[in-house]
Amino acid sequence: MLQRYLKIYKEDLGRSGPKRDGVDGIFGPKTSRAAQKRLKKAVFTTTDIAGMRKALKSLGK
């Protein structure tokens, strides 16, 4: 969920994953860096994830 959310902001997550866009479900160093840069944190609560899910749904992603 976090990686999909970060892709909205065109953050560089690398070239892994099935679409080669960095969305692979692994919280690695590039995901951590992008989360720190964009969201100013690296630990996410269930409330944070629910908010991301809602934002993605409203954008149709």
Protein backbone atom coordinates (compact mmCIF):
# COMPACT_ATOMS: atom_id res chain seq x y z
CA MET A 1 0.00 0.00 0.00
CA LEU A 2 2.78 2.42 0.95
CA GLN A 3 4.65 1.88 -2.32
CA ARG A 4 1.52 2.35 -4.41
CA TYR A 5 0.84 5.56 -2.47
CA LEU A 6 4.38 6.84 -3.01
CA LYS A 7 4.06 6.22 -6.75
CA ILE A 8 1.29 8.86 -6.85
CA TYR A 9 4.06 11.35 -6.07
CA LYS A 10 6.37 9.76 -8.64
CA GLU A 11 8.92 8.72 -6.01
CA ASP A 12 11.79 6.54 -7.24
CA LEU A 13 11.32 3.08 -5.76
CA GLY A 14 13.66 1.28 -8.13
CA ARG A 15 12.89 -1.18 -10.93
CA SER A 16 11.71 -4.24 -9.00
CA GLY A 17 8.23 -5.75 -8.95
CA PRO A 18 6.03 -7.18 -11.69
CA LYS A 19 5.60 -3.83 -13.48
CA ARG A 20 9.27 -2.85 -12.96
CA ASP A 21 8.09 0.28 -11.11
CA GLY A 22 9.49 -0.52 -7.65
CA VAL A 23 6.18 -1.72 -6.21
CA ASP A 24 7.24 -5.14 -4.91
CA GLY A 25 5.85 -5.26 -1.35
CA ILE A 26 9.29 -5.03 0.27
CA PHE A 27 10.12 -2.14 2.59
CA GLY A 28 13.67 -1.67 1.35
CA PRO A 29 16.05 1.29 1.39
CA LYS A 30 14.47 3.11 -1.57
CA THR A 31 10.98 2.81 -0.07
CA SER A 32 12.32 4.01 3.28
CA ARG A 33 14.05 7.01 1.68
CA ALA A 34 10.94 7.95 -0.32
CA ALA A 35 8.72 7.63 2.78
CA GLN A 36 11.07 9.84 4.80
CA LYS A 37 11.21 12.42 2.01
CA ARG A 38 7.50 12.53 1.19
CA LEU A 39 5.80 11.58 4.47
CA LYS A 40 8.50 12.51 7.01
CA LYS A 41 8.38 9.12 8.74
CA ALA A 42 9.35 5.47 8.33
CA VAL A 43 6.92 3.75 10.73
CA PHE A 44 3.25 3.58 9.77
CA THR A 45 0.18 2.75 11.83
CA THR A 46 -2.93 0.96 10.61
CA THR A 47 -4.60 4.39 10.52
CA ASP A 48 -1.86 5.67 8.19
CA ILE A 49 -2.30 2.68 5.88
CA ALA A 50 -6.10 3.09 5.92
CA GLY A 51 -5.67 6.72 4.87
CA MET A 52 -3.39 5.69 2.01
CA ARG A 53 -5.88 3.03 0.92
CA LYS A 54 -8.68 5.63 0.95
CA ALA A 55 -6.61 8.11 -1.07
CA LEU A 56 -5.75 5.47 -3.67
CA LYS A 57 -9.37 4.40 -3.93
CA SER A 58 -10.56 7.98 -4.42
CA LEU A 59 -8.00 8.37 -7.23
CA GLY A 60 -9.09 5.10 -8.82
CA LYS A 61 -5.72 3.41 -8.35
